[in-house]
Amino acid sequence: MSDNKTEYSYYIKVKNESARKRLGFPFAFWWKTESSEAAATARLAVSMLDAGFEPTDFAKPVRVNSPAVNELPPEGSFDTTF
């Protein structure tokens, strides 16, 4: 197993209009430093559930470049306000 870790950032769109109205936001953002994309997506699902959201309310996560800003949400938190 490699010790090389990479930052994985994801944009997660709410699946449809009824879910957007019910949840009150159009998308979420999540990032974490992990050893593989498989580990990152598994932890994303756990973070989503821990935050009280169901994965079925969201489209497939899209990996994005990490934004170059000073105020990223805490690493590993499922953020709906970023």
N, C-alpha and C. Protein backbone atom coordinates (compact mmCIF):
# COMPACT_ATOMS: atom_id res chain seq x y z
N MET A 1 0.84 -1.17 0.00
CA MET A 1 0.00 0.00 0.00
C MET A 1 0.89 1.24 0.00
N SER A 2 0.52 2.21 -0.78
CA SER A 2 1.32 3.42 -0.93
C SER A 2 1.04 4.42 0.17
N ASP A 3 2.07 5.16 0.56
CA ASP A 3 1.90 6.24 1.53
C ASP A 3 1.60 7.56 0.84
N ASN A 4 1.55 7.55 -0.48
CA ASN A 4 1.24 8.77 -1.22
C ASN A 4 -0.23 9.12 -1.03
N LYS A 5 -0.47 10.35 -0.63
CA LYS A 5 -1.85 10.79 -0.42
C LYS A 5 -2.14 11.96 -1.34
N THR A 6 -3.37 12.05 -1.75
CA THR A 6 -3.83 13.08 -2.67
C THR A 6 -5.06 13.75 -2.09
N GLU A 7 -5.23 15.03 -2.38
CA GLU A 7 -6.46 15.72 -1.99
C GLU A 7 -7.53 15.40 -3.02
N TYR A 8 -8.68 14.96 -2.53
CA TYR A 8 -9.83 14.68 -3.37
C TYR A 8 -10.93 15.65 -2.98
N SER A 9 -11.43 16.41 -3.96
CA SER A 9 -12.50 17.38 -3.74
C SER A 9 -13.67 17.00 -4.63
N TYR A 10 -14.88 17.10 -4.07
CA TYR A 10 -16.07 16.71 -4.83
C TYR A 10 -17.17 17.77 -4.72
N TYR A 11 -17.82 17.99 -5.85
CA TYR A 11 -19.04 18.80 -5.94
C TYR A 11 -20.16 17.78 -6.03
N ILE A 12 -21.15 17.89 -5.15
CA ILE A 12 -22.24 16.92 -5.12
C ILE A 12 -23.55 17.67 -5.30
N LYS A 13 -24.17 17.53 -6.45
CA LYS A 13 -25.40 18.23 -6.78
C LYS A 13 -26.60 17.48 -6.19
N VAL A 14 -27.56 18.24 -5.65
CA VAL A 14 -28.81 17.63 -5.20
C VAL A 14 -29.52 17.12 -6.45
N LYS A 15 -30.08 15.92 -6.35
CA LYS A 15 -30.56 15.18 -7.51
C LYS A 15 -31.68 15.87 -8.29
N ASN A 16 -32.69 16.41 -7.63
CA ASN A 16 -33.83 16.98 -8.35
C ASN A 16 -34.45 18.14 -7.58
N GLU A 17 -35.41 18.81 -8.22
CA GLU A 17 -36.02 20.01 -7.66
C GLU A 17 -36.74 19.74 -6.34
N SER A 18 -37.45 18.64 -6.23
CA SER A 18 -38.16 18.36 -4.97
C SER A 18 -37.18 18.14 -3.82
N ALA A 19 -36.07 17.48 -4.09
CA ALA A 19 -35.04 17.29 -3.06
C ALA A 19 -34.40 18.63 -2.70
N ARG A 20 -34.18 19.49 -3.70
CA ARG A 20 -33.61 20.82 -3.43
C ARG A 20 -34.52 21.63 -2.52
N LYS A 21 -35.82 21.59 -2.79
CA LYS A 21 -36.78 22.32 -1.95
C LYS A 21 -36.81 21.74 -0.54
N ARG A 22 -36.79 20.44 -0.43
CA ARG A 22 -36.85 19.78 0.88
C ARG A 22 -35.58 20.03 1.69
N LEU A 23 -34.43 19.95 1.04
CA LEU A 23 -33.15 20.12 1.74
C LEU A 23 -32.77 21.58 1.94
N GLY A 24 -33.18 22.44 1.01
CA GLY A 24 -32.89 23.86 1.13
C GLY A 24 -31.56 24.32 0.58
N PHE A 25 -30.91 23.50 -0.23
CA PHE A 25 -29.65 23.89 -0.87
C PHE A 25 -29.49 23.12 -2.17
N PRO A 26 -28.76 23.68 -3.15
CA PRO A 26 -28.65 23.04 -4.46
C PRO A 26 -27.48 22.06 -4.61
N PHE A 27 -26.47 22.19 -3.76
CA PHE A 27 -25.29 21.32 -3.89
C PHE A 27 -24.53 21.29 -2.59
N ALA A 28 -23.56 20.39 -2.51
CA ALA A 28 -22.67 20.29 -1.35
C ALA A 28 -21.24 20.18 -1.87
N PHE A 29 -20.30 20.39 -0.96
CA PHE A 29 -18.88 20.29 -1.28
C PHE A 29 -18.22 19.47 -0.20
N TRP A 30 -17.26 18.64 -0.60
CA TRP A 30 -16.54 17.79 0.36
C TRP A 30 -15.13 17.58 -0.15
N TRP A 31 -14.15 17.58 0.77
CA TRP A 31 -12.77 17.29 0.38
C TRP A 31 -12.07 16.54 1.50
N LYS A 32 -11.08 15.74 1.11
CA LYS A 32 -10.30 14.97 2.08
C LYS A 32 -9.02 14.51 1.42
N THR A 33 -7.98 14.35 2.21
CA THR A 33 -6.71 13.80 1.74
C THR A 33 -6.75 12.30 2.01
N GLU A 34 -6.63 11.51 0.95
CA GLU A 34 -6.72 10.05 1.06
C GLU A 34 -5.68 9.39 0.16
N SER A 35 -5.51 8.10 0.37
CA SER A 35 -4.54 7.33 -0.41
C SER A 35 -5.10 6.87 -1.76
N SER A 36 -6.44 6.87 -1.91
CA SER A 36 -7.02 6.45 -3.19
C SER A 36 -8.40 7.10 -3.36
N GLU A 37 -8.84 7.14 -4.61
CA GLU A 37 -10.16 7.70 -4.87
C GLU A 37 -11.26 6.82 -4.29
N ALA A 38 -11.05 5.51 -4.27
CA ALA A 38 -12.03 4.61 -3.68
C ALA A 38 -12.21 4.90 -2.19
N ALA A 39 -11.11 5.13 -1.48
CA ALA A 39 -11.19 5.47 -0.06
C ALA A 39 -11.89 6.81 0.13
N ALA A 40 -11.60 7.76 -0.74
CA ALA A 40 -12.22 9.09 -0.63
C ALA A 40 -13.73 9.01 -0.84
N THR A 41 -14.18 8.28 -1.85
CA THR A 41 -15.62 8.21 -2.10
C THR A 41 -16.34 7.43 -1.00
N ALA A 42 -15.68 6.44 -0.42
CA ALA A 42 -16.28 5.72 0.71
C ALA A 42 -16.44 6.65 1.91
N ARG A 43 -15.42 7.44 2.18
CA ARG A 43 -15.50 8.38 3.31
C ARG A 43 -16.50 9.50 3.04
N LEU A 44 -16.65 9.88 1.78
CA LEU A 44 -17.66 10.86 1.40
C LEU A 44 -19.05 10.36 1.76
N ALA A 45 -19.34 9.11 1.42
CA ALA A 45 -20.65 8.54 1.73
C ALA A 45 -20.90 8.52 3.24
N VAL A 46 -19.89 8.16 4.00
CA VAL A 46 -20.02 8.13 5.47
C VAL A 46 -20.23 9.54 6.00
N SER A 47 -19.49 10.51 5.49
CA SER A 47 -19.65 11.91 5.92
C SER A 47 -21.05 12.42 5.62
N MET A 48 -21.57 12.05 4.45
CA MET A 48 -22.92 12.45 4.06
C MET A 48 -23.95 11.89 5.05
N LEU A 49 -23.83 10.61 5.36
CA LEU A 49 -24.74 9.98 6.31
C LEU A 49 -24.60 10.57 7.71
N ASP A 50 -23.36 10.81 8.14
CA ASP A 50 -23.12 11.41 9.45
C ASP A 50 -23.74 12.80 9.57
N ALA A 51 -23.81 13.52 8.44
CA ALA A 51 -24.40 14.86 8.44
C ALA A 51 -25.92 14.81 8.38
N GLY A 52 -26.49 13.60 8.26
CA GLY A 52 -27.94 13.45 8.26
C GLY A 52 -28.59 13.45 6.90
N PHE A 53 -27.80 13.24 5.85
CA PHE A 53 -28.34 13.24 4.49
C PHE A 53 -28.28 11.84 3.90
N GLU A 54 -29.21 11.57 2.99
CA GLU A 54 -29.26 10.29 2.30
C GLU A 54 -28.57 10.41 0.94
N PRO A 55 -27.69 9.48 0.62
CA PRO A 55 -27.03 9.52 -0.69
C PRO A 55 -28.00 9.52 -1.87
N THR A 56 -29.19 8.96 -1.70
CA THR A 56 -30.17 8.91 -2.79
C THR A 56 -30.70 10.29 -3.16
N ASP A 57 -30.50 11.31 -2.31
CA ASP A 57 -30.93 12.67 -2.62
C ASP A 57 -29.94 13.41 -3.51
N PHE A 58 -28.80 12.79 -3.81
CA PHE A 58 -27.74 13.47 -4.55
C PHE A 58 -27.36 12.72 -5.81
N ALA A 59 -26.91 13.49 -6.81
CA ALA A 59 -26.36 12.90 -8.03
C ALA A 59 -24.97 12.35 -7.71
N LYS A 60 -24.40 11.66 -8.68
CA LYS A 60 -23.05 11.11 -8.51
C LYS A 60 -22.07 12.25 -8.25
N PRO A 61 -21.21 12.12 -7.22
CA PRO A 61 -20.23 13.17 -6.93
C PRO A 61 -19.28 13.39 -8.12
N VAL A 62 -18.97 14.65 -8.37
CA VAL A 62 -18.06 15.01 -9.45
C VAL A 62 -16.77 15.52 -8.83
N ARG A 63 -15.66 14.88 -9.19
CA ARG A 63 -14.37 15.32 -8.65
C ARG A 63 -13.97 16.63 -9.32
N VAL A 64 -13.56 17.59 -8.50
CA VAL A 64 -13.17 18.91 -8.99
C VAL A 64 -11.79 19.26 -8.43
N ASN A 65 -11.15 20.25 -9.04
CA ASN A 65 -9.91 20.77 -8.48
C ASN A 65 -10.23 21.49 -7.18
N SER A 66 -9.35 21.41 -6.22
CA SER A 66 -9.57 22.13 -4.96
C SER A 66 -9.55 23.62 -5.23
N PRO A 67 -10.57 24.32 -4.74
CA PRO A 67 -10.57 25.78 -4.93
C PRO A 67 -9.39 26.41 -4.20
N ALA A 68 -8.83 27.44 -4.79
CA ALA A 68 -7.70 28.14 -4.17
C ALA A 68 -8.23 29.28 -3.32
N VAL A 69 -8.79 28.93 -2.19
CA VAL A 69 -9.32 29.92 -1.25
C VAL A 69 -8.79 29.60 0.14
N ASN A 70 -8.81 30.59 1.00
CA ASN A 70 -8.30 30.41 2.35
C ASN A 70 -9.29 29.75 3.29
N GLU A 71 -10.56 29.80 2.96
CA GLU A 71 -11.57 29.34 3.89
C GLU A 71 -12.33 28.12 3.38
N LEU A 72 -11.61 27.05 3.11
CA LEU A 72 -12.26 25.80 2.76
C LEU A 72 -12.99 25.27 3.99
N PRO A 73 -14.05 24.50 3.78
CA PRO A 73 -14.69 23.86 4.93
C PRO A 73 -13.69 22.90 5.58
N PRO A 74 -13.92 22.51 6.82
CA PRO A 74 -13.00 21.57 7.46
C PRO A 74 -12.87 20.28 6.65
N GLU A 75 -11.68 19.74 6.64
CA GLU A 75 -11.42 18.51 5.89
C GLU A 75 -12.34 17.39 6.36
N GLY A 76 -13.00 16.73 5.41
CA GLY A 76 -13.85 15.59 5.72
C GLY A 76 -15.27 15.94 6.12
N SER A 77 -15.61 17.24 6.17
CA SER A 77 -16.98 17.60 6.54
C SER A 77 -17.82 17.78 5.28
N PHE A 78 -19.05 17.32 5.35
CA PHE A 78 -19.99 17.44 4.23
C PHE A 78 -20.62 18.82 4.33
N ASP A 79 -20.19 19.75 3.49
CA ASP A 79 -20.56 21.15 3.62
C ASP A 79 -21.61 21.56 2.60
N THR A 80 -22.70 22.16 3.08
CA THR A 80 -23.78 22.59 2.19
C THR A 80 -23.83 24.10 2.04
N THR A 81 -22.86 24.82 2.60
CA THR A 81 -22.88 26.28 2.53
C THR A 81 -21.69 26.87 1.79
N PHE A 82 -20.75 26.06 1.37
CA PHE A 82 -19.53 26.55 0.75
C PHE A 82 -19.81 27.11 -0.62
